[in-house]
């Protein structure tokens, strides 16, 4: 068996709250406040039995999206789905469109794929490029993590057409899509009626601001969902998730996020800070260029009571690159003031 080896630092993630809990957390890109938090009572009797199948959860998800149950498969979080999906392509060839959530790379390594890593913007400009790598699976984020660009139905269709010609499947990680206006999101009905070579990965973590509740799910063709079910393990989802799914599906109002994102983008720009990419989700990435400042930037912010995400471990990024989550205006103002103090 091929030994798996990877630098742990490469796969670190952004939630440092429990290490620095007094700080205002701009590091984890989740909704900063969920207005319908409820006390969840778990009947001990239900914990004395094995969980039933996730039929109810999948039916609720299908109804919410106006899809058939055969097009939905629920998982214990989106990360579990990513690993499950890549196992299906064990020992094959994978094309990762970077930047990309690090678990795609880890899942590909663990599944012993031959891996090619290519900038997503290059492939979007020339989808024919996919053919030159002859992949069995292509994987991307939309919105892109950590820069926030979003690709619509027409752009994704071009990737699907090129992938279909060479028998490749496409995984679209939509972890942050709930922060995009509904008019910009993928039209699943069109895609499902036309293509059978894709899976969209969704999560309820980000929009609810409840990352401790691990509900992820796949939206895809009935054929691909059937194949994924063949590899599934029993008891993937706790029983009580079936009782809280309805309260999680309808997220809080997101309209204010665009206004606050524009405020942060404008404020950082006025300080001479370079914005990375074209953010459309609930976060902004930027680059600190001063050699001395970028080395201690996140530590100085932490000392001032703010957590930000160092994204230098993302493919294609470097020391001095950071991501911040869009929070309510009061918090955003405090962050801008703190950055101004650091930059002098």
Protein backbone atom coordinates (compact mmCIF):
# COMPACT_ATOMS: atom_id res chain seq x y z
CA UNK A 1 0.00 0.00 0.00
CA UNK A 2 1.25 3.47 -0.87
CA UNK A 3 2.14 5.39 2.28
CA UNK A 4 0.19 8.61 2.72
CA UNK A 5 2.38 11.52 3.69
CA UNK A 6 1.47 15.18 3.78
CA UNK A 7 2.54 18.28 5.60
CA UNK A 8 -0.03 18.82 8.37
CA UNK A 9 0.30 22.57 7.87
CA UNK A 10 -1.00 22.20 4.31
CA UNK A 11 -4.34 20.93 5.56
CA UNK A 12 -4.99 23.22 8.49
CA UNK A 13 -8.37 24.96 8.53
CA UNK A 14 -9.55 28.36 9.60
CA UNK A 15 -11.56 28.00 12.79
CA UNK A 16 -9.23 29.02 15.61
CA UNK A 17 -11.98 30.22 17.93
CA UNK A 18 -11.48 27.67 20.71
CA UNK A 19 -7.78 28.50 20.88
CA UNK A 20 -8.48 32.24 21.12
CA UNK A 21 -12.12 32.45 22.24
CA UNK A 22 -12.12 36.06 23.55
CA UNK A 23 -11.30 37.33 20.04
CA UNK A 24 -13.77 38.44 17.37
CA UNK A 25 -13.62 35.61 14.84
CA UNK A 26 -13.05 36.73 11.24
CA UNK A 27 -11.24 33.46 10.41
CA UNK A 28 -14.10 31.01 9.85
CA UNK A 29 -16.32 31.98 6.92
CA UNK A 30 -19.68 31.18 8.46
CA UNK A 31 -22.70 33.36 9.09
CA UNK A 32 -21.72 35.41 12.16
CA UNK A 33 -25.03 35.19 13.96
CA UNK A 34 -27.93 32.82 13.51
CA UNK A 35 -31.08 34.61 14.58
CA UNK A 36 -33.13 31.47 15.23
CA UNK A 37 -30.89 29.58 17.64
CA UNK A 38 -32.92 27.13 19.66
CA UNK A 39 -32.25 24.84 22.58
CA UNK A 40 -32.18 21.34 21.14
CA UNK A 41 -33.37 18.64 23.49
CA UNK A 42 -32.21 15.14 22.63
CA UNK A 43 -34.38 12.35 23.93
CA UNK A 44 -31.96 9.90 25.64
CA UNK A 45 -34.17 7.05 24.45
CA UNK A 46 -33.23 7.83 20.86
CA UNK A 47 -29.53 7.58 21.72
CA UNK A 48 -30.03 4.03 22.93
CA UNK A 49 -30.72 2.81 19.38
CA UNK A 50 -28.80 2.91 16.14
CA UNK A 51 -29.84 5.87 13.92
CA UNK A 52 -32.29 5.12 11.14
CA UNK A 53 -31.50 5.90 7.52
CA UNK A 54 -31.43 9.61 6.51
CA UNK A 55 -34.61 9.29 4.43
CA UNK A 56 -36.41 12.14 6.16
CA UNK A 57 -33.46 14.51 5.85
CA UNK A 58 -33.01 13.72 2.17
CA UNK A 59 -36.73 14.13 1.50
CA UNK A 60 -36.68 17.55 3.19
CA UNK A 61 -33.63 18.61 1.19
CA UNK A 62 -35.20 17.42 -2.08
CA UNK A 63 -38.40 19.32 -1.34
CA UNK A 64 -36.48 22.47 -0.43
CA UNK A 65 -34.69 22.44 -3.80
CA UNK A 66 -37.67 21.24 -5.83
CA UNK A 67 -35.79 18.09 -6.84
CA UNK A 68 -36.44 14.36 -6.67
CA UNK A 69 -35.18 12.35 -3.73
CA UNK A 70 -33.08 10.26 -6.14
CA UNK A 71 -30.96 13.37 -6.79
CA UNK A 72 -30.04 13.92 -3.12
CA UNK A 73 -27.70 12.12 -0.70
CA UNK A 74 -27.06 13.37 2.82
CA UNK A 75 -23.73 13.15 4.65
CA UNK A 76 -22.24 13.96 8.03
CA UNK A 77 -20.87 17.23 6.69
CA UNK A 78 -19.55 18.34 3.30
CA UNK A 79 -16.03 17.17 4.13
CA UNK A 80 -17.32 13.61 4.55
CA UNK A 81 -18.97 13.91 1.13
CA UNK A 82 -15.71 15.08 -0.49
CA UNK A 83 -13.81 12.07 0.84
CA UNK A 84 -16.63 9.71 -0.08
CA UNK A 85 -16.73 11.06 -3.62
CA UNK A 86 -12.99 10.74 -4.24
CA UNK A 87 -12.97 7.13 -3.01
CA UNK A 88 -15.14 6.31 -5.99
CA UNK A 89 -12.22 7.34 -8.25
CA UNK A 90 -9.52 5.42 -6.38
CA UNK A 91 -6.27 5.02 -8.39
CA UNK A 92 -7.55 7.21 -11.23
CA UNK A 93 -6.69 10.72 -12.43
CA UNK A 94 -7.87 13.93 -10.78
CA UNK A 95 -7.74 17.54 -11.94
CA UNK A 96 -7.99 20.05 -9.08
CA UNK A 97 -8.92 23.58 -10.14
CA UNK A 98 -7.13 25.79 -7.63
CA UNK A 99 -7.54 27.56 -5.29
CA UNK A 100 -9.62 24.86 -3.66
CA UNK A 101 -10.63 23.71 -0.19
CA UNK A 102 -7.65 21.66 1.03
CA UNK A 103 -9.74 18.55 1.78
CA UNK A 104 -10.11 17.94 -1.96
CA UNK A 105 -6.35 17.51 -2.20
CA UNK A 106 -6.22 15.36 0.92
CA UNK A 107 -9.09 13.16 -0.33
CA UNK A 108 -7.37 12.75 -3.70
CA UNK A 109 -4.11 11.75 -1.99
CA UNK A 110 -5.83 9.25 0.28
CA UNK A 111 -7.58 7.73 -2.74
CA UNK A 112 -4.24 7.43 -4.54
CA UNK A 113 -5.23 9.57 -7.51
CA UNK A 114 -2.72 10.93 -9.98
CA UNK A 115 -3.19 14.63 -9.27
CA UNK A 116 -2.93 17.65 -11.55
CA UNK A 117 -3.38 21.14 -10.06
CA UNK A 118 -4.28 24.00 -12.40
CA UNK A 119 -5.51 27.58 -11.76
CA UNK A 120 -9.29 27.66 -12.05
CA UNK A 121 -9.31 30.98 -13.91
CA UNK A 122 -7.12 29.49 -16.67
CA UNK A 123 -9.53 26.61 -17.20
CA UNK A 124 -12.54 28.91 -17.11
CA UNK A 125 -10.98 31.00 -19.86
CA UNK A 126 -10.22 27.89 -21.92
CA UNK A 127 -12.36 24.88 -20.89
CA UNK A 128 -10.78 22.80 -23.69
CA UNK A 129 -7.72 22.65 -21.45
CA UNK A 130 -9.42 19.90 -19.44
CA UNK A 131 -8.87 17.40 -22.26
CA UNK A 132 -5.09 17.73 -22.16
CA UNK A 133 -5.02 16.21 -18.64
CA UNK A 134 -7.39 13.30 -19.43
CA UNK A 135 -8.83 13.32 -15.91
CA UNK A 136 -11.45 10.97 -14.53
CA UNK A 137 -12.62 13.63 -12.11
CA UNK A 138 -12.44 17.44 -12.04
CA UNK A 139 -12.98 19.36 -8.80
CA UNK A 140 -13.56 23.05 -8.08
CA UNK A 141 -15.08 25.50 -5.58
CA UNK A 142 -17.81 27.94 -6.60
CA UNK A 143 -17.73 30.43 -4.96
CA UNK A 144 -13.97 30.00 -4.97
CA UNK A 145 -12.34 29.62 -1.58
CA UNK A 146 -10.57 31.89 -0.62
CA UNK A 147 -11.08 34.61 -3.26
CA UNK A 148 -14.86 34.45 -3.66
CA UNK A 149 -15.46 34.35 -7.43
CA UNK A 150 -18.66 32.59 -8.43
CA UNK A 151 -19.39 30.67 -11.65
CA UNK A 152 -22.92 30.50 -13.02
CA UNK A 153 -24.82 27.84 -14.94
CA UNK A 154 -23.47 28.85 -18.36
CA UNK A 155 -19.84 28.69 -17.21
CA UNK A 156 -20.27 25.37 -15.40
CA UNK A 157 -22.00 23.92 -18.46
CA UNK A 158 -18.86 24.54 -20.51
CA UNK A 159 -16.85 22.51 -18.03
CA UNK A 160 -19.47 19.77 -18.02
CA UNK A 161 -19.48 19.54 -21.81
CA UNK A 162 -15.70 19.23 -21.98
CA UNK A 163 -15.65 16.72 -19.12
CA UNK A 164 -18.42 14.66 -20.72
CA UNK A 165 -16.45 14.34 -23.96
CA UNK A 166 -13.64 12.51 -22.16
CA UNK A 167 -15.80 10.60 -19.69
CA UNK A 168 -14.83 12.71 -16.68
CA UNK A 169 -17.04 13.66 -13.72
CA UNK A 170 -17.20 17.14 -12.20
CA UNK A 171 -17.41 17.90 -8.47
CA UNK A 172 -18.64 21.43 -7.70
CA UNK A 173 -18.05 22.38 -4.07
CA UNK A 174 -20.74 24.96 -3.27
CA UNK A 175 -19.98 25.45 0.42
CA UNK A 176 -20.54 29.22 0.21
CA UNK A 177 -23.29 29.40 -2.38
CA UNK A 178 -25.95 30.46 0.16
CA UNK A 179 -24.21 33.85 0.31
CA UNK A 180 -24.78 34.36 -3.43
CA UNK A 181 -28.06 35.81 -4.71
CA UNK A 182 -30.49 33.10 -5.84
CA UNK A 183 -30.61 34.55 -9.34
CA UNK A 184 -26.87 33.81 -9.74
CA UNK A 185 -26.89 30.24 -8.44
CA UNK A 186 -26.76 27.11 -10.57
CA UNK A 187 -29.98 25.96 -12.19
CA UNK A 188 -29.96 22.36 -10.96
CA UNK A 189 -33.00 21.42 -13.04
CA UNK A 190 -31.28 22.39 -16.30
CA UNK A 191 -28.06 20.62 -15.35
CA UNK A 192 -29.76 17.43 -14.15
CA UNK A 193 -31.90 17.23 -17.29
CA UNK A 194 -28.84 17.60 -19.52
CA UNK A 195 -25.83 16.03 -17.80
CA UNK A 196 -25.22 12.95 -15.70
CA UNK A 197 -21.55 13.55 -14.89
CA UNK A 198 -21.60 15.94 -11.94
CA UNK A 199 -22.12 16.26 -8.21
CA UNK A 200 -22.73 19.53 -6.36
CA UNK A 201 -21.63 19.49 -2.74
CA UNK A 202 -23.73 21.60 -0.37
CA UNK A 203 -23.64 22.27 3.38
CA UNK A 204 -25.88 23.79 6.03
CA UNK A 205 -22.87 24.81 8.13
CA UNK A 206 -22.03 28.21 6.64
CA UNK A 207 -25.41 29.88 6.26
CA UNK A 208 -26.73 28.81 9.65
CA UNK A 209 -23.58 29.71 11.54
CA UNK A 210 -23.78 26.29 13.23
CA UNK A 211 -20.67 24.39 12.13
CA UNK A 212 -21.10 21.96 15.02
CA UNK A 213 -24.17 20.55 13.24
CA UNK A 214 -22.61 18.50 10.47
CA UNK A 215 -25.11 18.26 7.61
CA UNK A 216 -23.73 18.13 4.09
CA UNK A 217 -25.38 16.74 0.99
CA UNK A 218 -24.83 15.89 -2.64
CA UNK A 219 -27.02 17.04 -5.51
CA UNK A 220 -26.40 15.04 -8.67
CA UNK A 221 -27.70 12.74 -11.34
CA UNK A 222 -29.64 9.71 -10.16
CA UNK A 223 -26.96 7.44 -11.62
CA UNK A 224 -24.10 9.05 -9.73
CA UNK A 225 -26.10 9.15 -6.51
CA UNK A 226 -26.86 5.43 -6.85
CA UNK A 227 -23.17 4.64 -7.30
CA UNK A 228 -22.27 6.71 -4.26
CA UNK A 229 -24.91 4.95 -2.15
CA UNK A 230 -23.27 1.61 -2.96
CA UNK A 231 -20.17 2.79 -1.09
CA UNK A 232 -22.00 4.34 1.85
CA UNK A 233 -21.55 3.22 5.43
CA UNK A 234 -24.41 2.77 7.94
CA UNK A 235 -25.38 5.35 10.56
CA UNK A 236 -23.79 8.31 8.80
CA UNK A 237 -26.07 10.91 10.40
CA UNK A 238 -27.29 11.24 14.02
CA UNK A 239 -30.96 10.47 14.53
CA UNK A 240 -31.85 13.85 16.05
CA UNK A 241 -30.73 15.67 12.87
CA UNK A 242 -34.02 14.53 11.34
CA UNK A 243 -35.84 16.59 13.97
CA UNK A 244 -33.96 19.85 13.41
CA UNK A 245 -33.56 19.86 9.63
CA UNK A 246 -36.54 22.15 9.00
CA UNK A 247 -35.19 24.84 11.31
CA UNK A 248 -31.87 24.80 9.44
CA UNK A 249 -33.05 24.96 5.85
CA UNK A 250 -34.33 28.50 5.81
CA UNK A 251 -31.32 30.71 6.48
CA UNK A 252 -31.37 34.25 7.81
CA UNK A 253 -31.44 37.29 5.55
CA UNK A 254 -28.17 37.65 3.61
CA UNK A 255 -28.85 40.92 1.81
CA UNK A 256 -26.75 43.00 4.22
CA UNK A 257 -23.61 40.96 3.42
CA UNK A 258 -23.03 42.58 0.02
CA UNK A 259 -23.15 46.07 1.53
CA UNK A 260 -20.70 45.14 4.29
CA UNK A 261 -18.42 43.30 1.85
CA UNK A 262 -18.27 46.44 -0.27
CA UNK A 263 -17.45 48.47 2.85
CA UNK A 264 -14.54 46.18 3.76
CA UNK A 265 -13.28 46.06 0.18
CA UNK A 266 -13.39 49.85 -0.10
CA UNK A 267 -11.78 50.41 3.32
CA UNK A 268 -8.92 48.02 2.64
CA UNK A 269 -8.37 49.54 -0.79
CA UNK A 270 -8.11 53.01 0.73
CA UNK A 271 -5.26 51.69 2.88
CA UNK A 272 -3.42 50.55 -0.24
CA UNK A 273 -4.16 46.87 0.43
CA UNK A 274 -4.57 44.68 -2.64
CA UNK A 275 -7.83 42.69 -2.86
CA UNK A 276 -7.32 39.18 -4.27
CA UNK A 277 -9.83 38.07 -6.87
CA UNK A 278 -13.38 39.36 -7.26
CA UNK A 279 -15.24 38.47 -4.05
CA UNK A 280 -18.95 37.66 -4.30
CA UNK A 281 -19.46 35.57 -1.14
CA UNK A 282 -19.17 36.39 2.56
CA UNK A 283 -15.41 36.84 2.72
CA UNK A 284 -12.58 38.90 1.24
CA UNK A 285 -8.96 37.91 0.66
CA UNK A 286 -6.17 40.46 0.52
CA UNK A 287 -2.39 40.81 0.43
CA UNK A 288 -0.08 42.63 2.84
CA UNK A 289 3.08 43.47 0.90
CA UNK A 290 5.29 45.13 3.52
CA UNK A 291 7.90 42.51 4.44
CA UNK A 292 7.97 43.20 8.18
CA UNK A 293 4.24 43.80 8.58
CA UNK A 294 3.07 40.66 6.79
CA UNK A 295 5.23 38.44 9.00
CA UNK A 296 3.48 39.56 12.20
CA UNK A 297 0.17 40.85 10.82
CA UNK A 298 -2.12 38.06 12.08
CA UNK A 299 -0.38 37.94 15.47
CA UNK A 300 -0.75 41.70 15.95
CA UNK A 301 -4.44 41.48 15.04
CA UNK A 302 -4.84 38.58 17.46
CA UNK A 303 -3.28 40.70 20.20
CA UNK A 304 -5.87 43.37 19.40
CA UNK A 305 -8.68 40.79 19.69
CA UNK A 306 -9.25 39.69 16.07
CA UNK A 307 -8.80 36.33 14.36
CA UNK A 308 -8.14 36.35 10.61
CA UNK A 309 -7.37 33.45 8.27
CA UNK A 310 -3.79 33.14 7.05
CA UNK A 311 -4.25 31.64 3.56
CA UNK A 312 -0.57 31.18 2.71
CA UNK A 313 -1.13 27.40 2.83
CA UNK A 314 -3.62 27.59 -0.07
CA UNK A 315 -2.22 26.55 -3.44
CA UNK A 316 -0.87 29.61 -5.28
CA UNK A 317 -0.81 31.97 -2.29
CA UNK A 318 2.04 33.31 -0.17
CA UNK A 319 3.01 34.79 3.15
CA UNK A 320 1.08 38.00 3.67
CA UNK A 321 -2.17 36.69 2.14
CA UNK A 322 -5.19 36.71 4.44
CA UNK A 323 -8.95 36.14 4.37
CA UNK A 324 -11.56 37.84 6.54
CA UNK A 325 -15.23 37.01 6.95
CA UNK A 326 -17.85 39.70 6.44
CA UNK A 327 -19.45 40.43 9.82
CA UNK A 328 -21.88 43.06 11.07
CA UNK A 329 -20.86 46.68 10.56
CA UNK A 330 -19.78 47.32 14.15
CA UNK A 331 -17.30 44.44 14.02
CA UNK A 332 -16.10 45.38 10.53
CA UNK A 333 -15.40 48.94 11.66
CA UNK A 334 -13.37 47.67 14.60
CA UNK A 335 -11.32 45.44 12.30
CA UNK A 336 -10.64 48.27 9.83
CA UNK A 337 -9.52 50.52 12.70
CA UNK A 338 -7.19 47.81 14.04
CA UNK A 339 -5.61 47.26 10.60
CA UNK A 340 -5.07 51.01 10.22
CA UNK A 341 -3.24 51.05 13.54
CA UNK A 342 -1.00 48.16 12.50
CA UNK A 343 -0.15 49.72 9.13
CA UNK A 344 0.56 53.04 10.83
